[in-house]
Structure formats: C-alpha cells, structure tokens
PDB file of N, CA and C in Angstrom:
ATOM      1  N   MET A   1      29.723 -23.931 -37.079  1.00  0.00           N
ATOM      2  CA  MET A   1      29.473 -22.517 -37.274  1.00  0.00           C
ATOM      3  C   MET A   1      28.771 -22.269 -38.611  1.00  0.00           C
ATOM      4  N   ILE A   2      29.213 -22.926 -39.655  1.00  0.00           N
ATOM      5  CA  ILE A   2      28.607 -22.716 -40.972  1.00  0.00           C
ATOM      6  C   ILE A   2      27.159 -23.217 -40.980  1.00  0.00           C
ATOM      7  N   ARG A   3      26.880 -24.246 -40.184  1.00  0.00           N
ATOM      8  CA  ARG A   3      25.519 -24.777 -40.115  1.00  0.00           C
ATOM      9  C   ARG A   3      24.563 -23.727 -39.553  1.00  0.00           C
ATOM     10  N   TRP A   4      24.989 -23.004 -38.512  1.00  0.00           N
ATOM     11  CA  TRP A   4      24.139 -21.966 -37.938  1.00  0.00           C
ATOM     12  C   TRP A   4      23.931 -20.811 -38.909  1.00  0.00           C
ATOM     13  N   LEU A   5      24.944 -20.497 -39.690  1.00  0.00           N
ATOM     14  CA  LEU A   5      24.809 -19.445 -40.688  1.00  0.00           C
ATOM     15  C   LEU A   5      23.784 -19.840 -41.751  1.00  0.00           C
ATOM     16  N   ILE A   6      23.835 -21.083 -42.186  1.00  0.00           N
ATOM     17  CA  ILE A   6      22.873 -21.569 -43.183  1.00  0.00           C
ATOM     18  C   ILE A   6      21.460 -21.570 -42.607  1.00  0.00           C
ATOM     19  N   VAL A   7      21.315 -22.014 -41.368  1.00  0.00           N
ATOM     20  CA  VAL A   7      19.994 -22.033 -40.727  1.00  0.00           C
ATOM     21  C   VAL A   7      19.450 -20.614 -40.578  1.00  0.00           C
ATOM     22  N   THR A   8      20.309 -19.685 -40.199  1.00  0.00           N
ATOM     23  CA  THR A   8      19.879 -18.294 -40.054  1.00  0.00           C
ATOM     24  C   THR A   8      19.442 -17.710 -41.388  1.00  0.00           C
ATOM     25  N   LEU A   9      20.198 -17.971 -42.440  1.00  0.00           N
ATOM     26  CA  LEU A   9      19.824 -17.467 -43.756  1.00  0.00           C
ATOM     27  C   LEU A   9      18.519 -18.079 -44.250  1.00  0.00           C
ATOM     28  N   LEU A  10      18.320 -19.365 -44.013  1.00  0.00           N
ATOM     29  CA  LEU A  10      17.061 -20.006 -44.394  1.00  0.00           C
ATOM     30  C   LEU A  10      15.885 -19.439 -43.606  1.00  0.00           C
ATOM     31  N   ALA A  11      16.114 -19.160 -42.316  1.00  0.00           N
ATOM     32  CA  ALA A  11      15.056 -18.572 -41.494  1.00  0.00           C
ATOM     33  C   ALA A  11      14.699 -17.177 -41.992  1.00  0.00           C
ATOM     34  N   LEU A  12      15.697 -16.387 -42.378  1.00  0.00           N
ATOM     35  CA  LEU A  12      15.428 -15.054 -42.916  1.00  0.00           C
ATOM     36  C   LEU A  12      14.666 -15.127 -44.231  1.00  0.00           C
ATOM     37  N   MET A  13      15.012 -16.097 -45.076  1.00  0.00           N
ATOM     38  CA  MET A  13      14.302 -16.255 -46.349  1.00  0.00           C
ATOM     39  C   MET A  13      12.847 -16.661 -46.099  1.00  0.00           C
ATOM     40  N   LEU A  14      12.633 -17.589 -45.182  1.00  0.00           N
ATOM     41  CA  LEU A  14      11.272 -18.025 -44.849  1.00  0.00           C
ATOM     42  C   LEU A  14      10.474 -16.873 -44.249  1.00  0.00           C
ATOM     43  N   PHE A  15      11.119 -16.126 -43.367  1.00  0.00           N
ATOM     44  CA  PHE A  15      10.455 -14.995 -42.733  1.00  0.00           C
ATOM     45  C   PHE A  15      10.079 -13.932 -43.762  1.00  0.00           C
ATOM     46  N   SER A  16      10.955 -13.686 -44.703  1.00  0.00           N
ATOM     47  CA  SER A  16      10.669 -12.691 -45.742  1.00  0.00           C
ATOM     48  C   SER A  16       9.488 -13.120 -46.607  1.00  0.00           C
ATOM     49  N   GLY A  17       9.369 -14.411 -46.856  1.00  0.00           N
ATOM     50  CA  GLY A  17       8.237 -14.904 -47.633  1.00  0.00           C
ATOM     51  C   GLY A  17       6.921 -14.802 -46.880  1.00  0.00           C
ATOM     52  N   LEU A  18       6.974 -14.972 -45.576  1.00  0.00           N
ATOM     53  CA  LEU A  18       5.760 -14.916 -44.753  1.00  0.00           C
ATOM     54  C   LEU A  18       5.477 -13.521 -44.206  1.00  0.00           C
ATOM     55  N   LEU A  19       6.305 -12.552 -44.547  1.00  0.00           N
ATOM     56  CA  LEU A  19       6.181 -11.210 -43.989  1.00  0.00           C
ATOM     57  C   LEU A  19       4.819 -10.558 -44.233  1.00  0.00           C
ATOM     58  N   PRO A  20       4.210 -10.671 -45.418  1.00  0.00           N
ATOM     59  CA  PRO A  20       2.884 -10.049 -45.586  1.00  0.00           C
ATOM     60  C   PRO A  20       1.825 -10.598 -44.621  1.00  0.00           C
ATOM     61  N   VAL A  21       1.892 -11.868 -44.322  1.00  0.00           N
ATOM     62  CA  VAL A  21       0.927 -12.471 -43.390  1.00  0.00           C
ATOM     63  C   VAL A  21       1.245 -12.047 -41.960  1.00  0.00           C
ATOM     64  N   LEU A  22       2.524 -12.009 -41.607  1.00  0.00           N
ATOM     65  CA  LEU A  22       2.920 -11.685 -40.242  1.00  0.00           C
ATOM     66  C   LEU A  22       2.747 -10.208 -39.905  1.00  0.00           C
ATOM     67  N   ARG A  23       2.703  -9.347 -40.908  1.00  0.00           N
ATOM     68  CA  ARG A  23       2.515  -7.911 -40.638  1.00  0.00           C
ATOM     69  C   ARG A  23       1.154  -7.625 -40.027  1.00  0.00           C
ATOM     70  N   ARG A  24       0.189  -8.488 -40.265  1.00  0.00           N
ATOM     71  CA  ARG A  24      -1.134  -8.313 -39.651  1.00  0.00           C
ATOM     72  C   ARG A  24      -1.049  -8.396 -38.134  1.00  0.00           C
ATOM     73  N   PHE A  25      -0.044  -9.139 -37.623  1.00  0.00           N
ATOM     74  CA  PHE A  25       0.134  -9.312 -36.188  1.00  0.00           C
ATOM     75  C   PHE A  25       1.155  -8.341 -35.606  1.00  0.00           C
ATOM     76  N   GLY A  26       1.696  -7.437 -36.429  1.00  0.00           N
ATOM     77  CA  GLY A  26       2.648  -6.442 -35.954  1.00  0.00           C
ATOM     78  C   GLY A  26       4.100  -6.862 -36.071  1.00  0.00           C
ATOM     79  N   ILE A  27       4.345  -8.060 -36.579  1.00  0.00           N
ATOM     80  CA  ILE A  27       5.721  -8.526 -36.735  1.00  0.00           C
ATOM     81  C   ILE A  27       6.231  -8.038 -38.078  1.00  0.00           C
ATOM     82  N   GLY A  28       7.430  -7.501 -38.088  1.00  0.00           N
ATOM     83  CA  GLY A  28       7.994  -6.930 -39.298  1.00  0.00           C
ATOM     84  C   GLY A  28       8.056  -5.421 -39.227  1.00  0.00           C
ATOM     85  N   ARG A  29       7.489  -4.866 -38.159  1.00  0.00           N
ATOM     86  CA  ARG A  29       7.519  -3.421 -37.956  1.00  0.00           C
ATOM     87  C   ARG A  29       8.154  -3.080 -36.619  1.00  0.00           C
ATOM     88  N   LEU A  30       8.976  -3.969 -36.096  1.00  0.00           N
ATOM     89  CA  LEU A  30       9.623  -3.757 -34.806  1.00  0.00           C
ATOM     90  C   LEU A  30      10.885  -2.923 -34.974  1.00  0.00           C
ATOM     91  N   PRO A  31      11.356  -2.305 -33.888  1.00  0.00           N
ATOM     92  CA  PRO A  31      12.653  -1.625 -33.977  1.00  0.00           C
ATOM     93  C   PRO A  31      13.735  -2.658 -34.291  1.00  0.00           C
ATOM     94  N   GLY A  32      14.589  -2.352 -35.198  1.00  0.00           N
ATOM     95  CA  GLY A  32      15.614  -3.293 -35.617  1.00  0.00           C
ATOM     96  C   GLY A  32      15.309  -3.950 -36.945  1.00  0.00           C
ATOM     97  N   ASP A  33      14.095  -3.774 -37.439  1.00  0.00           N
ATOM     98  CA  ASP A  33      13.731  -4.274 -38.762  1.00  0.00           C
ATOM     99  C   ASP A  33      14.059  -3.191 -39.779  1.00  0.00           C
ATOM    100  N   LEU A  34      14.931  -3.513 -40.696  1.00  0.00           N
ATOM    101  CA  LEU A  34      15.387  -2.540 -41.681  1.00  0.00           C
ATOM    102  C   LEU A  34      14.568  -2.686 -42.957  1.00  0.00           C
ATOM    103  N   ARG A  35      14.204  -1.547 -43.542  1.00  0.00           N
ATOM    104  CA  ARG A  35      13.397  -1.546 -44.756  1.00  0.00           C
ATOM    105  C   ARG A  35      13.916  -0.458 -45.696  1.00  0.00           C
ATOM    106  N   TRP A  36      14.139  -0.820 -46.958  1.00  0.00           N
ATOM    107  CA  TRP A  36      14.603   0.116 -47.968  1.00  0.00           C
ATOM    108  C   TRP A  36      13.645   0.101 -49.155  1.00  0.00           C
ATOM    109  N   HIS A  37      13.445   1.260 -49.753  1.00  0.00           N
ATOM    110  CA  HIS A  37      12.674   1.396 -50.994  1.00  0.00           C
ATOM    111  C   HIS A  37      13.644   1.885 -52.069  1.00  0.00           C
ATOM    112  N   ILE A  38      13.952   1.024 -53.015  1.00  0.00           N
ATOM    113  CA  ILE A  38      14.883   1.366 -54.087  1.00  0.00           C
ATOM    114  C   ILE A  38      14.225   1.032 -55.416  1.00  0.00           C
ATOM    115  N   ARG A  39      14.096   2.047 -56.265  1.00  0.00           N
ATOM    116  CA  ARG A  39      13.542   1.890 -57.612  1.00  0.00           C
ATOM    117  C   ARG A  39      12.177   1.206 -57.622  1.00  0.00           C
ATOM    118  N   GLY A  40      11.334   1.558 -56.691  1.00  0.00           N
ATOM    119  CA  GLY A  40       9.978   1.020 -56.672  1.00  0.00           C
ATOM    120  C   GLY A  40       9.855  -0.353 -56.024  1.00  0.00           C
ATOM    121  N   ARG A  41      10.952  -0.907 -55.549  1.00  0.00           N
ATOM    122  CA  ARG A  41      10.907  -2.209 -54.867  1.00  0.00           C
ATOM    123  C   ARG A  41      11.210  -2.020 -53.399  1.00  0.00           C
ATOM    124  N   GLU A  42      10.672  -2.903 -52.594  1.00  0.00           N
ATOM    125  CA  GLU A  42      10.904  -2.827 -51.157  1.00  0.00           C
ATOM    126  C   GLU A  42      11.796  -3.994 -50.734  1.00  0.00           C
ATOM    127  N   PHE A  43      12.862  -3.665 -50.033  1.00  0.00           N
ATOM    128  CA  PHE A  43      13.774  -4.665 -49.501  1.00  0.00           C
ATOM    129  C   PHE A  43      13.718  -4.595 -47.989  1.00  0.00           C
ATOM    130  N   THR A  44      13.559  -5.741 -47.334  1.00  0.00           N
ATOM    131  CA  THR A  44      13.485  -5.768 -45.881  1.00  0.00           C
ATOM    132  C   THR A  44      14.534  -6.712 -45.325  1.00  0.00           C
ATOM    133  N   LEU A  45      15.010  -6.373 -44.149  1.00  0.00           N
ATOM    134  CA  LEU A  45      15.917  -7.225 -43.389  1.00  0.00           C
ATOM    135  C   LEU A  45      15.376  -7.253 -41.962  1.00  0.00           C
ATOM    136  N   PRO A  46      14.558  -8.256 -41.629  1.00  0.00           N
ATOM    137  CA  PRO A  46      13.840  -8.284 -40.349  1.00  0.00           C
ATOM    138  C   PRO A  46      14.687  -8.848 -39.210  1.00  0.00           C
ATOM    139  N   ILE A  47      15.703  -8.115 -38.786  1.00  0.00           N
ATOM    140  CA  ILE A  47      16.602  -8.608 -37.745  1.00  0.00           C
ATOM    141  C   ILE A  47      15.893  -8.665 -36.394  1.00  0.00           C
ATOM    142  N   GLY A  48      15.220  -7.601 -36.010  1.00  0.00           N
ATOM    143  CA  GLY A  48      14.539  -7.558 -34.712  1.00  0.00           C
ATOM    144  C   GLY A  48      13.447  -8.609 -34.587  1.00  0.00           C
ATOM    145  N   SER A  49      12.657  -8.756 -35.607  1.00  0.00           N
ATOM    146  CA  SER A  49      11.577  -9.746 -35.572  1.00  0.00           C
ATOM    147  C   SER A  49      12.120 -11.169 -35.555  1.00  0.00           C
ATOM    148  N   THR A  50      13.220 -11.398 -36.255  1.00  0.00           N
ATOM    149  CA  THR A  50      13.827 -12.728 -36.260  1.00  0.00           C
ATOM    150  C   THR A  50      14.328 -13.106 -34.874  1.00  0.00           C
ATOM    151  N   ILE A  51      14.904 -12.150 -34.170  1.00  0.00           N
ATOM    152  CA  ILE A  51      15.392 -12.420 -32.815  1.00  0.00           C
ATOM    153  C   ILE A  51      14.226 -12.732 -31.887  1.00  0.00           C
ATOM    154  N   ILE A  52      13.152 -11.960 -31.974  1.00  0.00           N
ATOM    155  CA  ILE A  52      11.978 -12.207 -31.126  1.00  0.00           C
ATOM    156  C   ILE A  52      11.380 -13.582 -31.417  1.00  0.00           C
ATOM    157  N   LEU A  53      11.216 -13.919 -32.690  1.00  0.00           N
ATOM    158  CA  LEU A  53      10.651 -15.230 -33.038  1.00  0.00           C
ATOM    159  C   LEU A  53      11.571 -16.373 -32.621  1.00  0.00           C
ATOM    160  N   SER A  54      12.896 -16.175 -32.675  1.00  0.00           N
ATOM    161  CA  SER A  54      13.807 -17.231 -32.228  1.00  0.00           C
ATOM    162  C   SER A  54      13.714 -17.437 -30.725  1.00  0.00           C
ATOM    163  N   LEU A  55      13.575 -16.346 -29.975  1.00  0.00           N
ATOM    164  CA  LEU A  55      13.424 -16.489 -28.523  1.00  0.00           C
ATOM    165  C   LEU A  55      12.130 -17.216 -28.183  1.00  0.00           C
ATOM    166  N   ILE A  56      11.072 -16.928 -28.903  1.00  0.00           N
ATOM    167  CA  ILE A  56       9.806 -17.630 -28.675  1.00  0.00           C
ATOM    168  C   ILE A  56       9.942 -19.113 -29.003  1.00  0.00           C
ATOM    169  N   ALA A  57      10.592 -19.426 -30.122  1.00  0.00           N
ATOM    170  CA  ALA A  57      10.799 -20.827 -30.510  1.00  0.00           C
ATOM    171  C   ALA A  57      11.686 -21.549 -29.505  1.00  0.00           C
ATOM    172  N   ALA A  58      12.718 -20.883 -28.993  1.00  0.00           N
ATOM    173  CA  ALA A  58      13.593 -21.502 -27.982  1.00  0.00           C
ATOM    174  C   ALA A  58      12.829 -21.765 -26.692  1.00  0.00           C
ATOM    175  N   GLY A  59      11.969 -20.825 -26.309  1.00  0.00           N
ATOM    176  CA  GLY A  59      11.161 -21.027 -25.101  1.00  0.00           C
ATOM    177  C   GLY A  59      10.205 -22.195 -25.245  1.00  0.00           C
ATOM    178  N   ILE A  60       9.585 -22.322 -26.394  1.00  0.00           N
ATOM    179  CA  ILE A  60       8.686 -23.445 -26.640  1.00  0.00           C
ATOM    180  C   ILE A  60       9.480 -24.758 -26.648  1.00  0.00           C
ATOM    181  N   GLY A  61      10.664 -24.725 -27.235  1.00  0.00           N
ATOM    182  CA  GLY A  61      11.514 -25.921 -27.263  1.00  0.00           C
ATOM    183  C   GLY A  61      11.942 -26.360 -25.880  1.00  0.00           C
ATOM    184  N   ARG A  62      12.191 -25.408 -24.992  1.00  0.00           N
ATOM    185  CA  ARG A  62      12.578 -25.758 -23.626  1.00  0.00           C
ATOM    186  C   ARG A  62      11.414 -26.359 -22.848  1.00  0.00           C
ATOM    187  N   LEU A  63      10.215 -25.873 -23.131  1.00  0.00           N
ATOM    188  CA  LEU A  63       9.054 -26.406 -22.414  1.00  0.00           C
ATOM    189  C   LEU A  63       8.729 -27.835 -22.844  1.00  0.00           C
ATOM    190  N   LEU A  64       9.017 -28.151 -24.090  1.00  0.00           N
ATOM    191  CA  LEU A  64       8.725 -29.503 -24.572  1.00  0.00           C
ATOM    192  C   LEU A  64       9.899 -30.367 -24.251  1.00  0.00           C
TER     193      LEU A  64
END
C-alpha cells in the first residue's frame, strides 16, 4: 500500500513539472483539476488529469 502512495506522489510531482507543456494539449484544465492562486503563486492539484493519464498508461500496458 505504501508503495502505491509513493508512486502516486511521484507521478503527481512529475505531472506538476510537466504541466506547462501538457497544457498546450488541454491536459491540466479538466474537471477535477484543482487550482488555487495564493499570494501571487499558483498551486495545482491535477487529480482528473492524473486519472486520465493513468488509464491511458494502463491501456497501453495491457496492449503490450
């Protein structure tokens, strides 16, 4: 269980780093993606996009 939590947190960190590039494709603006503006900084929690990307990765994994 702890392994999946660590993998999920690492995936969220990676996704947050790649978010400016992925926004060009519409990812990061889906329903379920939370965004806050506090003191001039933007904080995002891309839950919806992470679920969509995981389903795509699982589908590709099943095909291979």
